[in-house]
Amino acid sequence: MKTVCFITGQEDSFDYPSDLPEAYWRVWMPSKKLGSAAVLGREGATKRALQADIVWIYEPLCFAAHALADVAKQMGKQVVVDWSEDIYARHEQDRPYSAARVEAAEKTMELADMIVVATPGLGPVYSGVVRVVETVIPLEGWERKRPQVDLSWWSDGRQKLGFEKVAPAISDVMARRSIDLINIQFAHERPLVAGLEPDERQQRAARLSAHFGDDRNRTADQNLADFRDVFSSAIVSLECYLPGSYRESVSDVPLLRAAALGIPSLTTRHDPPRGCVEAPPEQWGDVLLDLIDSGSWAKLGREARNWAETRSTYEGYEQTLKEVNNAYS
C-alpha cells in the first residue's frame, strides 16, 4: 500500500486551534488514520509531503501548492486535489477568491491524477477524474448531554452571510419564549438586539453567548473537545446560507457535528440529510417553535445520530486511495 500525506494548501489550517476550519476535518482527521499531515508553508512541510507516494492537497489556493504538485509529478508521485466548497461561487457567502488564487487552483488541478470533493453537489463544479469522498466524523466522545441550551450555532466561518435574513424570526421566538442561544466561533448577537430598548437589549444579551477557543494554550483536539462539550446540551442547531449554488454544495460538517451529538439542525439549504429540517428564513420562527414545543426535536435528533453513524468510518477514503494505487501503480 502506498503512503499518503494530506496537505493544507492554503493559510487556514488545523494549526489555528480555535478556528477548527474545514482543513481540520479534511487534513488532520484522516491523517490520523491513513497517513501523515502537513501545512504548506510550515517548516518541513514540503519535505514531509514528498516522502509520501500520494500527495493529497486540500484546497490548493496558492502557487506554492502548484509548485508542490509539479515537483511531486516529476518525482513520479500521484497528486490528489480535495475541495469542500465551490471556489467559483464563494462570492455568494464571502469575498470572492482573487484571480491569482483561482489560477493557482486551476494549474494545480491540471496536474492532479484525481479530484475529490466533499459533497455530490461539488461533482459538476470541477473537471477531470472526480470522486466524492464525504467528510468523516469518528463518533468516540460524541455523546449528548441533558438538553439545557435551546439553540446553538457552531459556524466554521463560511456562514458569513444569511444570518440577517433569519435573525428577525429568531428574535421573535426569543421574545415569546425563554430561549437561549450560544454561538461557537461566530458571533451573531448584533442582529438579535437591533432595535430593542436599552433594558430589553440588556435582557436579550444575557441570553446570548459566544464561545471561542484558545489559540495559544490548547491544541485543536482540545478545543474540539471543549466546543463539543458546550454544544452537546443544545436542543436545535442552526445553519444558514444565502440562496445559491454555494449553499447547496458546500461541506455539511456543521450539520454532521450536530448529528453526531444527536442534535437536529434547522437549515436553509435544500434537501438536508436525515434529522435536519429545511425552511426558508421567513418560516424559521414557526418551525423553531414547533420543534421545541412539540418535542419533535428528540425524534429528529435520533434520526440525525443514525445519519452520522453512516459517516463514521474512513471507508470512502480507503477506497479512493486503492483506486489511485491501482490506476497508477
C-alpha atoms as a PDB file:
ATOM      1  CA  MET A   1       0.000   0.000   0.000  1.00  0.00           C
ATOM      2  CA  LYS A   2       1.352   3.383  -0.969  1.00  0.00           C
ATOM      3  CA  THR A   3       1.763   6.076   1.661  1.00  0.00           C
ATOM      4  CA  VAL A   4      -0.211   9.332   1.635  1.00  0.00           C
ATOM      5  CA  CYS A   5       0.410  12.797   3.044  1.00  0.00           C
ATOM      6  CA  PHE A   6      -2.540  15.165   3.458  1.00  0.00           C
ATOM      7  CA  ILE A   7      -1.574  18.794   2.847  1.00  0.00           C
ATOM      8  CA  THR A   8      -3.384  22.005   3.694  1.00  0.00           C
ATOM      9  CA  GLY A   9      -2.918  24.010   0.504  1.00  0.00           C
ATOM     10  CA  GLN A  10      -3.763  27.464   1.850  1.00  0.00           C
ATOM     11  CA  GLU A  11      -3.358  29.513   5.004  1.00  0.00           C
ATOM     12  CA  ASP A  12      -6.300  28.253   7.081  1.00  0.00           C
ATOM     13  CA  SER A  13      -5.320  25.106   8.897  1.00  0.00           C
ATOM     14  CA  PHE A  14      -5.639  22.884  11.917  1.00  0.00           C
ATOM     15  CA  ASP A  15      -2.627  24.787  13.266  1.00  0.00           C
ATOM     16  CA  TYR A  16      -5.063  27.517  14.290  1.00  0.00           C
ATOM     17  CA  PRO A  17      -6.911  25.598  17.013  1.00  0.00           C
ATOM     18  CA  SER A  18      -9.739  27.996  17.767  1.00  0.00           C
ATOM     19  CA  ASP A  19     -10.827  28.029  14.131  1.00  0.00           C
ATOM     20  CA  LEU A  20     -11.191  24.268  13.644  1.00  0.00           C
ATOM     21  CA  PRO A  21     -11.781  25.030   9.961  1.00  0.00           C
ATOM     22  CA  GLU A  22     -12.626  22.546   7.248  1.00  0.00           C
ATOM     23  CA  ALA A  23      -8.951  21.623   6.917  1.00  0.00           C
ATOM     24  CA  TYR A  24      -9.125  20.111  10.386  1.00  0.00           C
ATOM     25  CA  TRP A  25     -11.648  17.575   9.097  1.00  0.00           C
ATOM     26  CA  ARG A  26     -10.206  17.087   5.610  1.00  0.00           C
ATOM     27  CA  VAL A  27      -6.496  17.000   6.539  1.00  0.00           C
ATOM     28  CA  TRP A  28      -5.812  16.397  10.208  1.00  0.00           C
ATOM     29  CA  MET A  29      -8.534  13.843  10.951  1.00  0.00           C
ATOM     30  CA  PRO A  30      -7.929  11.468   8.002  1.00  0.00           C
ATOM     31  CA  SER A  31      -4.167  11.723   8.521  1.00  0.00           C
ATOM     32  CA  LYS A  32      -4.551  10.166  11.976  1.00  0.00           C
ATOM     33  CA  LYS A  33      -5.984   7.048  10.383  1.00  0.00           C
ATOM     34  CA  LEU A  34      -4.383   6.898   6.962  1.00  0.00           C
ATOM     35  CA  GLY A  35      -1.082   8.779   6.771  1.00  0.00           C
ATOM     36  CA  SER A  36       0.732  11.974   7.672  1.00  0.00           C
ATOM     37  CA  ALA A  37      -0.269  15.646   7.505  1.00  0.00           C
ATOM     38  CA  ALA A  38       1.398  18.987   6.860  1.00  0.00           C
ATOM     39  CA  VAL A  39       0.529  22.627   6.368  1.00  0.00           C
ATOM     40  CA  LEU A  40       2.028  24.137   3.254  1.00  0.00           C
ATOM     41  CA  GLY A  41       4.495  26.871   4.145  1.00  0.00           C
ATOM     42  CA  ARG A  42       5.333  25.442   7.562  1.00  0.00           C
ATOM     43  CA  GLU A  43       8.879  24.246   8.179  1.00  0.00           C
ATOM     44  CA  GLY A  44       9.459  20.775   6.750  1.00  0.00           C
ATOM     45  CA  ALA A  45       6.017  20.535   5.126  1.00  0.00           C
ATOM     46  CA  THR A  46       7.239  20.097   1.556  1.00  0.00           C
ATOM     47  CA  LYS A  47       9.837  17.518   2.570  1.00  0.00           C
ATOM     48  CA  ARG A  48       7.244  15.537   4.517  1.00  0.00           C
ATOM     49  CA  ALA A  49       4.787  15.654   1.627  1.00  0.00           C
ATOM     50  CA  LEU A  50       7.332  14.429  -0.908  1.00  0.00           C
ATOM     51  CA  GLN A  51       8.277  11.491   1.285  1.00  0.00           C
ATOM     52  CA  ALA A  52       4.842  10.037   0.588  1.00  0.00           C
ATOM     53  CA  ASP A  53       3.740   8.239  -2.567  1.00  0.00           C
ATOM     54  CA  ILE A  54       0.461  10.143  -2.805  1.00  0.00           C
ATOM     55  CA  VAL A  55       0.284  13.894  -2.178  1.00  0.00           C
ATOM     56  CA  TRP A  56      -3.303  14.770  -1.204  1.00  0.00           C
ATOM     57  CA  ILE A  57      -3.658  18.579  -1.336  1.00  0.00           C
ATOM     58  CA  TYR A  58      -6.690  20.161   0.277  1.00  0.00           C
ATOM     59  CA  GLU A  59      -7.760  23.443  -1.384  1.00  0.00           C
ATOM     60  CA  PRO A  60      -4.565  24.364  -3.286  1.00  0.00           C
ATOM     61  CA  LEU A  61      -5.247  28.091  -3.390  1.00  0.00           C
ATOM     62  CA  CYS A  62      -1.689  29.338  -3.722  1.00  0.00           C
ATOM     63  CA  PHE A  63       1.159  28.905  -6.197  1.00  0.00           C
ATOM     64  CA  ALA A  64       3.209  27.071  -3.578  1.00  0.00           C
ATOM     65  CA  ALA A  65       0.619  24.294  -3.822  1.00  0.00           C
ATOM     66  CA  HIS A  66       1.037  24.224  -7.595  1.00  0.00           C
ATOM     67  CA  ALA A  67       4.826  24.067  -7.189  1.00  0.00           C
ATOM     68  CA  LEU A  68       4.480  21.150  -4.763  1.00  0.00           C
ATOM     69  CA  ALA A  69       2.211  19.281  -7.162  1.00  0.00           C
ATOM     70  CA  ASP A  70       4.632  19.933 -10.031  1.00  0.00           C
ATOM     71  CA  VAL A  71       7.614  18.525  -8.107  1.00  0.00           C
ATOM     72  CA  ALA A  72       5.559  15.559  -6.933  1.00  0.00           C
ATOM     73  CA  LYS A  73       4.600  14.691 -10.526  1.00  0.00           C
ATOM     74  CA  GLN A  74       8.213  14.990 -11.665  1.00  0.00           C
ATOM     75  CA  MET A  75       9.145  12.507  -8.934  1.00  0.00           C
ATOM     76  CA  GLY A  76       6.537  10.050 -10.202  1.00  0.00           C
ATOM     77  CA  LYS A  77       4.107  10.543  -7.340  1.00  0.00           C
ATOM     78  CA  GLN A  78       0.317  10.763  -7.539  1.00  0.00           C
ATOM     79  CA  VAL A  79      -1.463  14.020  -6.763  1.00  0.00           C
ATOM     80  CA  VAL A  80      -4.994  14.271  -5.386  1.00  0.00           C
ATOM     81  CA  VAL A  81      -6.753  17.632  -5.075  1.00  0.00           C
ATOM     82  CA  ASP A  82      -9.517  17.966  -2.490  1.00  0.00           C
ATOM     83  CA  TRP A  83     -12.385  20.502  -2.367  1.00  0.00           C
ATOM     84  CA  SER A  84     -15.172  21.103   0.146  1.00  0.00           C
ATOM     85  CA  GLU A  85     -16.534  24.261  -1.466  1.00  0.00           C
ATOM     86  CA  ASP A  86     -17.185  25.778  -4.875  1.00  0.00           C
ATOM     87  CA  ILE A  87     -14.369  28.281  -5.300  1.00  0.00           C
ATOM     88  CA  TYR A  88     -16.201  29.881  -8.224  1.00  0.00           C
ATOM     89  CA  ALA A  89     -19.323  30.626  -6.152  1.00  0.00           C
ATOM     90  CA  ARG A  90     -17.656  31.815  -2.962  1.00  0.00           C
ATOM     91  CA  HIS A  91     -18.845  35.362  -3.629  1.00  0.00           C
ATOM     92  CA  GLU A  92     -22.307  34.155  -2.607  1.00  0.00           C
ATOM     93  CA  GLN A  93     -21.098  33.863   1.011  1.00  0.00           C
ATOM     94  CA  ASP A  94     -17.888  35.844   1.349  1.00  0.00           C
ATOM     95  CA  ARG A  95     -15.307  37.848  -0.564  1.00  0.00           C
ATOM     96  CA  PRO A  96     -14.561  36.003  -3.807  1.00  0.00           C
ATOM     97  CA  TYR A  97     -11.201  34.332  -4.170  1.00  0.00           C
ATOM     98  CA  SER A  98      -8.707  36.506  -6.028  1.00  0.00           C
ATOM     99  CA  ALA A  99      -7.882  35.734  -9.640  1.00  0.00           C
ATOM    100  CA  ALA A 100      -4.401  34.623  -8.539  1.00  0.00           C
ATOM    101  CA  ARG A 101      -5.801  32.078  -6.086  1.00  0.00           C
ATOM    102  CA  VAL A 102      -8.176  30.670  -8.696  1.00  0.00           C
ATOM    103  CA  GLU A 103      -5.360  30.489 -11.233  1.00  0.00           C
ATOM    104  CA  ALA A 104      -3.170  28.595  -8.741  1.00  0.00           C
ATOM    105  CA  ALA A 105      -6.014  26.187  -8.042  1.00  0.00           C
ATOM    106  CA  GLU A 106      -6.661  25.541 -11.730  1.00  0.00           C
ATOM    107  CA  LYS A 107      -2.987  24.975 -12.510  1.00  0.00           C
ATOM    108  CA  THR A 108      -2.742  22.516  -9.621  1.00  0.00           C
ATOM    109  CA  MET A 109      -5.830  20.666 -10.793  1.00  0.00           C
ATOM    110  CA  GLU A 110      -4.298  20.296 -14.253  1.00  0.00           C
ATOM    111  CA  LEU A 111      -1.573  18.200 -12.584  1.00  0.00           C
ATOM    112  CA  ALA A 112      -3.949  16.148 -10.438  1.00  0.00           C
ATOM    113  CA  ASP A 113      -4.454  12.444 -11.053  1.00  0.00           C
ATOM    114  CA  MET A 114      -7.755  12.699  -9.215  1.00  0.00           C
ATOM    115  CA  ILE A 115     -10.001  15.396  -7.760  1.00  0.00           C
ATOM    116  CA  VAL A 116     -12.078  14.540  -4.704  1.00  0.00           C
ATOM    117  CA  VAL A 117     -14.980  16.578  -3.364  1.00  0.00           C
ATOM    118  CA  ALA A 118     -16.777  16.541  -0.023  1.00  0.00           C
ATOM    119  CA  THR A 119     -20.340  16.563  -1.383  1.00  0.00           C
ATOM    120  CA  PRO A 120     -22.079  15.247  -4.502  1.00  0.00           C
ATOM    121  CA  GLY A 121     -23.118  18.818  -5.316  1.00  0.00           C
ATOM    122  CA  LEU A 122     -19.481  19.722  -5.955  1.00  0.00           C
ATOM    123  CA  GLY A 123     -19.028  16.967  -8.531  1.00  0.00           C
ATOM    124  CA  PRO A 124     -20.145  19.038 -11.543  1.00  0.00           C
ATOM    125  CA  VAL A 125     -18.042  22.048 -10.477  1.00  0.00           C
ATOM    126  CA  TYR A 126     -14.636  20.532 -11.187  1.00  0.00           C
ATOM    127  CA  SER A 127     -13.464  18.766 -14.330  1.00  0.00           C
ATOM    128  CA  GLY A 128     -11.269  15.700 -14.589  1.00  0.00           C
ATOM    129  CA  VAL A 129     -11.452  12.468 -12.624  1.00  0.00           C
ATOM    130  CA  VAL A 130     -13.752  13.476  -9.764  1.00  0.00           C
ATOM    131  CA  ARG A 131     -14.748  11.289  -6.813  1.00  0.00           C
ATOM    132  CA  VAL A 132     -16.957  12.114  -3.822  1.00  0.00           C
ATOM    133  CA  VAL A 133     -15.204  11.462  -0.516  1.00  0.00           C
ATOM    134  CA  GLU A 134     -17.533  12.568   2.251  1.00  0.00           C
ATOM    135  CA  THR A 135     -16.128  14.039   5.443  1.00  0.00           C
ATOM    136  CA  VAL A 136     -15.779  11.579   8.309  1.00  0.00           C
ATOM    137  CA  ILE A 137     -16.604  12.161  11.968  1.00  0.00           C
ATOM    138  CA  PRO A 138     -15.379   9.413  14.326  1.00  0.00           C
ATOM    139  CA  LEU A 139     -18.078   9.146  16.988  1.00  0.00           C
ATOM    140  CA  GLU A 140     -15.951   8.383  20.040  1.00  0.00           C
ATOM    141  CA  GLY A 141     -16.675  11.080  22.617  1.00  0.00           C
ATOM    142  CA  TRP A 142     -19.672  12.470  20.752  1.00  0.00           C
ATOM    143  CA  GLU A 143     -22.372  11.945  23.363  1.00  0.00           C
ATOM    144  CA  ARG A 144     -25.398  14.104  24.039  1.00  0.00           C
ATOM    145  CA  LYS A 145     -25.815  15.812  27.392  1.00  0.00           C
ATOM    146  CA  ARG A 146     -29.085  16.632  29.103  1.00  0.00           C
ATOM    147  CA  PRO A 147     -30.591  19.458  26.995  1.00  0.00           C
ATOM    148  CA  GLN A 148     -30.133  22.871  28.614  1.00  0.00           C
ATOM    149  CA  VAL A 149     -29.283  25.467  25.961  1.00  0.00           C
ATOM    150  CA  ASP A 150     -32.068  25.752  23.425  1.00  0.00           C
ATOM    151  CA  LEU A 151     -30.244  26.904  20.294  1.00  0.00           C
ATOM    152  CA  SER A 152     -26.629  26.615  19.183  1.00  0.00           C
ATOM    153  CA  TRP A 153     -24.795  27.932  16.163  1.00  0.00           C
ATOM    154  CA  TRP A 154     -21.432  26.303  15.507  1.00  0.00           C
ATOM    155  CA  SER A 155     -20.104  28.013  12.405  1.00  0.00           C
ATOM    156  CA  ASP A 156     -16.832  27.415  10.591  1.00  0.00           C
ATOM    157  CA  GLY A 157     -16.804  30.960   9.272  1.00  0.00           C
ATOM    158  CA  ARG A 158     -18.334  30.101   5.893  1.00  0.00           C
ATOM    159  CA  GLN A 159     -21.778  31.112   7.136  1.00  0.00           C
ATOM    160  CA  LYS A 160     -20.888  34.788   6.921  1.00  0.00           C
ATOM    161  CA  LEU A 161     -23.990  35.937   5.066  1.00  0.00           C
ATOM    162  CA  GLY A 162     -27.609  34.997   5.530  1.00  0.00           C
ATOM    163  CA  PHE A 163     -27.997  35.311   9.281  1.00  0.00           C
ATOM    164  CA  GLU A 164     -29.541  38.746   8.855  1.00  0.00           C
ATOM    165  CA  LYS A 165     -32.366  37.004   6.967  1.00  0.00           C
ATOM    166  CA  VAL A 166     -33.255  34.592   9.785  1.00  0.00           C
ATOM    167  CA  ALA A 167     -32.455  36.905  12.713  1.00  0.00           C
ATOM    168  CA  PRO A 168     -35.937  38.509  12.826  1.00  0.00           C
ATOM    169  CA  ALA A 169     -37.582  35.097  13.206  1.00  0.00           C
ATOM    170  CA  ILE A 170     -35.127  34.018  15.929  1.00  0.00           C
ATOM    171  CA  SER A 171     -35.560  37.334  17.707  1.00  0.00           C
ATOM    172  CA  ASP A 172     -39.339  36.910  17.633  1.00  0.00           C
ATOM    173  CA  VAL A 173     -39.065  33.410  19.112  1.00  0.00           C
ATOM    174  CA  MET A 174     -36.778  34.702  21.862  1.00  0.00           C
ATOM    175  CA  ALA A 175     -39.310  37.407  22.642  1.00  0.00           C
ATOM    176  CA  ARG A 176     -42.065  34.807  23.014  1.00  0.00           C
ATOM    177  CA  ARG A 177     -40.162  32.019  24.760  1.00  0.00           C
ATOM    178  CA  SER A 178     -37.442  31.707  27.383  1.00  0.00           C
ATOM    179  CA  ILE A 179     -34.897  30.517  24.853  1.00  0.00           C
ATOM    180  CA  ASP A 180     -31.122  30.975  24.908  1.00  0.00           C
ATOM    181  CA  LEU A 181     -28.658  30.949  22.022  1.00  0.00           C
ATOM    182  CA  ILE A 182     -24.951  30.117  22.140  1.00  0.00           C
ATOM    183  CA  ASN A 183     -22.616  30.819  19.227  1.00  0.00           C
ATOM    184  CA  ILE A 184     -19.456  28.815  18.793  1.00  0.00           C
ATOM    185  CA  GLN A 185     -16.765  30.675  16.878  1.00  0.00           C
ATOM    186  CA  PHE A 186     -19.019  33.100  15.048  1.00  0.00           C
ATOM    187  CA  ALA A 187     -20.949  35.782  16.941  1.00  0.00           C
ATOM    188  CA  HIS A 188     -24.434  36.545  15.625  1.00  0.00           C
ATOM    189  CA  GLU A 189     -25.624  38.664  18.512  1.00  0.00           C
ATOM    190  CA  ARG A 190     -25.897  42.095  16.884  1.00  0.00           C
ATOM    191  CA  PRO A 191     -28.973  41.421  14.685  1.00  0.00           C
ATOM    192  CA  LEU A 192     -30.709  39.839  17.674  1.00  0.00           C
ATOM    193  CA  VAL A 193     -30.534  43.005  19.768  1.00  0.00           C
ATOM    194  CA  ALA A 194     -31.086  45.510  16.980  1.00  0.00           C
ATOM    195  CA  GLY A 195     -33.997  47.855  17.569  1.00  0.00           C
ATOM    196  CA  LEU A 196     -34.520  46.924  21.219  1.00  0.00           C
ATOM    197  CA  GLU A 197     -34.806  49.454  24.002  1.00  0.00           C
ATOM    198  CA  PRO A 198     -31.760  49.609  26.323  1.00  0.00           C
ATOM    199  CA  ASP A 199     -33.371  47.492  29.062  1.00  0.00           C
ATOM    200  CA  GLU A 200     -34.636  44.931  26.561  1.00  0.00           C
ATOM    201  CA  ARG A 201     -31.240  44.844  24.868  1.00  0.00           C
ATOM    202  CA  GLN A 202     -29.544  44.092  28.159  1.00  0.00           C
ATOM    203  CA  GLN A 203     -32.009  41.315  28.959  1.00  0.00           C
ATOM    204  CA  ARG A 204     -31.622  39.813  25.490  1.00  0.00           C
ATOM    205  CA  ALA A 205     -27.834  39.999  25.656  1.00  0.00           C
ATOM    206  CA  ALA A 206     -27.906  37.964  28.867  1.00  0.00           C
ATOM    207  CA  ARG A 207     -29.461  35.117  26.871  1.00  0.00           C
ATOM    208  CA  LEU A 208     -26.804  35.230  24.155  1.00  0.00           C
ATOM    209  CA  SER A 209     -23.257  33.992  24.464  1.00  0.00           C
ATOM    210  CA  ALA A 210     -20.298  33.270  22.222  1.00  0.00           C
ATOM    211  CA  HIS A 211     -17.693  30.611  22.947  1.00  0.00           C
ATOM    212  CA  PHE A 212     -14.178  30.849  21.498  1.00  0.00           C
ATOM    213  CA  GLY A 213     -11.174  28.561  21.618  1.00  0.00           C
ATOM    214  CA  ASP A 214      -7.676  29.294  22.884  1.00  0.00           C
ATOM    215  CA  ASP A 215      -5.169  29.550  20.031  1.00  0.00           C
ATOM    216  CA  ARG A 216      -2.112  29.734  22.234  1.00  0.00           C
ATOM    217  CA  ASN A 217      -2.554  27.268  25.035  1.00  0.00           C
ATOM    218  CA  ARG A 218      -4.642  24.417  23.647  1.00  0.00           C
ATOM    219  CA  THR A 219      -4.386  22.068  20.706  1.00  0.00           C
ATOM    220  CA  ALA A 220      -7.048  21.815  18.040  1.00  0.00           C
ATOM    221  CA  ASP A 221      -8.176  18.484  19.501  1.00  0.00           C
ATOM    222  CA  GLN A 222      -8.507  20.026  22.955  1.00  0.00           C
ATOM    223  CA  ASN A 223     -10.554  22.886  21.591  1.00  0.00           C
ATOM    224  CA  LEU A 224     -12.763  20.453  19.707  1.00  0.00           C
ATOM    225  CA  ALA A 225     -13.478  18.602  22.944  1.00  0.00           C
ATOM    226  CA  ASP A 226     -14.303  21.922  24.592  1.00  0.00           C
ATOM    227  CA  PHE A 227     -16.632  23.043  21.793  1.00  0.00           C
ATOM    228  CA  ARG A 228     -18.303  19.643  21.745  1.00  0.00           C
ATOM    229  CA  ASP A 229     -18.942  19.843  25.471  1.00  0.00           C
ATOM    230  CA  VAL A 230     -20.560  23.274  25.120  1.00  0.00           C
ATOM    231  CA  PHE A 231     -22.595  22.262  22.098  1.00  0.00           C
ATOM    232  CA  SER A 232     -23.828  18.919  23.434  1.00  0.00           C
ATOM    233  CA  SER A 233     -26.597  20.398  25.596  1.00  0.00           C
ATOM    234  CA  ALA A 234     -28.383  22.137  22.710  1.00  0.00           C
ATOM    235  CA  ILE A 235     -31.884  21.247  21.558  1.00  0.00           C
ATOM    236  CA  VAL A 236     -31.581  22.543  17.986  1.00  0.00           C
ATOM    237  CA  SER A 237     -28.575  23.530  15.883  1.00  0.00           C
ATOM    238  CA  LEU A 238     -28.751  26.327  13.316  1.00  0.00           C
ATOM    239  CA  GLU A 239     -27.154  26.592   9.871  1.00  0.00           C
ATOM    240  CA  CYS A 240     -27.787  29.428   7.458  1.00  0.00           C
ATOM    241  CA  TYR A 241     -26.591  30.391   3.988  1.00  0.00           C
ATOM    242  CA  LEU A 242     -27.955  32.777   1.399  1.00  0.00           C
ATOM    243  CA  PRO A 243     -29.672  31.156  -1.607  1.00  0.00           C
ATOM    244  CA  GLY A 244     -27.383  29.974  -4.372  1.00  0.00           C
ATOM    245  CA  SER A 245     -25.288  27.113  -5.644  1.00  0.00           C
ATOM    246  CA  TYR A 246     -22.707  27.550  -2.869  1.00  0.00           C
ATOM    247  CA  ARG A 247     -25.344  26.814  -0.223  1.00  0.00           C
ATOM    248  CA  GLU A 248     -26.380  23.586  -1.914  1.00  0.00           C
ATOM    249  CA  SER A 249     -22.898  22.171  -2.485  1.00  0.00           C
ATOM    250  CA  VAL A 250     -20.788  23.331   0.474  1.00  0.00           C
ATOM    251  CA  SER A 251     -19.494  20.856   3.071  1.00  0.00           C
ATOM    252  CA  ASP A 252     -22.061  19.501   5.524  1.00  0.00           C
ATOM    253  CA  VAL A 253     -19.689  19.492   8.533  1.00  0.00           C
ATOM    254  CA  PRO A 254     -21.880  21.906  10.570  1.00  0.00           C
ATOM    255  CA  LEU A 255     -24.826  19.514  10.182  1.00  0.00           C
ATOM    256  CA  LEU A 256     -22.654  16.467  10.777  1.00  0.00           C
ATOM    257  CA  ARG A 257     -21.214  17.682  14.074  1.00  0.00           C
ATOM    258  CA  ALA A 258     -24.683  18.336  15.464  1.00  0.00           C
ATOM    259  CA  ALA A 259     -25.921  14.982  14.193  1.00  0.00           C
ATOM    260  CA  ALA A 260     -23.040  13.177  15.895  1.00  0.00           C
ATOM    261  CA  LEU A 261     -24.413  14.511  19.189  1.00  0.00           C
ATOM    262  CA  GLY A 262     -27.981  13.554  18.340  1.00  0.00           C
ATOM    263  CA  ILE A 263     -28.983  17.191  17.779  1.00  0.00           C
ATOM    264  CA  PRO A 264     -31.264  18.109  14.864  1.00  0.00           C
ATOM    265  CA  SER A 265     -30.423  21.104  12.682  1.00  0.00           C
ATOM    266  CA  LEU A 266     -32.583  23.799  11.166  1.00  0.00           C
ATOM    267  CA  THR A 267     -31.008  24.866   7.882  1.00  0.00           C
ATOM    268  CA  THR A 268     -31.718  26.989   4.832  1.00  0.00           C
ATOM    269  CA  ARG A 269     -30.112  24.506   2.436  1.00  0.00           C
ATOM    270  CA  HIS A 270     -32.441  22.339   0.363  1.00  0.00           C
ATOM    271  CA  ASP A 271     -32.581  18.556   0.693  1.00  0.00           C
ATOM    272  CA  PRO A 272     -30.821  18.279   4.063  1.00  0.00           C
ATOM    273  CA  PRO A 273     -29.892  14.844   5.466  1.00  0.00           C
ATOM    274  CA  ARG A 274     -31.886  12.852   7.994  1.00  0.00           C
ATOM    275  CA  GLY A 275     -32.507  14.629  11.261  1.00  0.00           C
ATOM    276  CA  CYS A 276     -32.300  18.073   9.671  1.00  0.00           C
ATOM    277  CA  VAL A 277     -35.149  20.406   8.806  1.00  0.00           C
ATOM    278  CA  GLU A 278     -35.117  22.848   5.909  1.00  0.00           C
ATOM    279  CA  ALA A 279     -37.093  26.072   6.000  1.00  0.00           C
ATOM    280  CA  PRO A 280     -36.854  29.491   4.333  1.00  0.00           C
ATOM    281  CA  PRO A 281     -35.945  32.368   6.656  1.00  0.00           C
ATOM    282  CA  GLU A 282     -39.499  33.678   6.973  1.00  0.00           C
ATOM    283  CA  GLN A 283     -40.632  30.308   8.362  1.00  0.00           C
ATOM    284  CA  TRP A 284     -37.848  29.798  10.877  1.00  0.00           C
ATOM    285  CA  GLY A 285     -39.850  31.175  13.792  1.00  0.00           C
ATOM    286  CA  ASP A 286     -42.793  28.808  13.318  1.00  0.00           C
ATOM    287  CA  VAL A 287     -40.512  25.830  12.694  1.00  0.00           C
ATOM    288  CA  LEU A 288     -38.396  26.508  15.789  1.00  0.00           C
ATOM    289  CA  LEU A 289     -41.453  26.850  17.997  1.00  0.00           C
ATOM    290  CA  ASP A 290     -42.891  23.616  16.634  1.00  0.00           C
ATOM    291  CA  LEU A 291     -39.617  21.729  17.174  1.00  0.00           C
ATOM    292  CA  ILE A 292     -39.314  22.954  20.757  1.00  0.00           C
ATOM    293  CA  ASP A 293     -42.970  22.917  21.857  1.00  0.00           C
ATOM    294  CA  SER A 294     -43.917  19.600  20.265  1.00  0.00           C
ATOM    295  CA  GLY A 295     -40.791  17.803  21.436  1.00  0.00           C
ATOM    296  CA  SER A 296     -40.190  16.543  17.896  1.00  0.00           C
ATOM    297  CA  TRP A 297     -36.546  17.616  18.228  1.00  0.00           C
ATOM    298  CA  ALA A 298     -35.894  14.422  20.209  1.00  0.00           C
ATOM    299  CA  LYS A 299     -37.029  12.086  17.408  1.00  0.00           C
ATOM    300  CA  LEU A 300     -35.192  14.141  14.832  1.00  0.00           C
ATOM    301  CA  GLY A 301     -32.091  14.004  16.999  1.00  0.00           C
ATOM    302  CA  ARG A 302     -32.147  10.218  16.920  1.00  0.00           C
ATOM    303  CA  GLU A 303     -32.511  10.287  13.139  1.00  0.00           C
ATOM    304  CA  ALA A 304     -29.592  12.702  12.922  1.00  0.00           C
ATOM    305  CA  ARG A 305     -27.401  10.413  15.002  1.00  0.00           C
ATOM    306  CA  ASN A 306     -28.309   7.487  12.742  1.00  0.00           C
ATOM    307  CA  TRP A 307     -27.177   9.539   9.766  1.00  0.00           C
ATOM    308  CA  ALA A 308     -23.916  10.481  11.493  1.00  0.00           C
ATOM    309  CA  GLU A 309     -23.221   6.793  12.100  1.00  0.00           C
ATOM    310  CA  THR A 310     -23.087   6.278   8.322  1.00  0.00           C
ATOM    311  CA  ARG A 311     -20.221   8.794   8.195  1.00  0.00           C
ATOM    312  CA  SER A 312     -18.062   7.433  10.998  1.00  0.00           C
ATOM    313  CA  THR A 313     -15.558   5.306   9.074  1.00  0.00           C
ATOM    314  CA  TYR A 314     -12.815   6.087   6.546  1.00  0.00           C
ATOM    315  CA  GLU A 315     -14.028   3.523   4.017  1.00  0.00           C
ATOM    316  CA  GLY A 316     -14.568   6.212   1.364  1.00  0.00           C
ATOM    317  CA  TYR A 317     -11.020   7.492   1.778  1.00  0.00           C
ATOM    318  CA  GLU A 318      -9.620   3.952   1.730  1.00  0.00           C
ATOM    319  CA  GLN A 319     -11.482   3.039  -1.457  1.00  0.00           C
ATOM    320  CA  THR A 320     -10.282   6.207  -3.154  1.00  0.00           C
ATOM    321  CA  LEU A 321      -6.669   5.559  -2.179  1.00  0.00           C
ATOM    322  CA  LYS A 322      -6.964   2.000  -3.514  1.00  0.00           C
ATOM    323  CA  GLU A 323      -8.295   3.377  -6.786  1.00  0.00           C
ATOM    324  CA  VAL A 324      -5.338   5.761  -7.057  1.00  0.00           C
ATOM    325  CA  ASN A 325      -2.956   2.903  -6.237  1.00  0.00           C
ATOM    326  CA  ASN A 326      -4.471   0.562  -8.813  1.00  0.00           C
ATOM    327  CA  ALA A 327      -4.731   3.158 -11.562  1.00  0.00           C
ATOM    328  CA  TYR A 328      -1.212   4.499 -11.279  1.00  0.00           C
ATOM    329  CA  SER A 329       0.857   1.645  -9.819  1.00  0.00           C
END
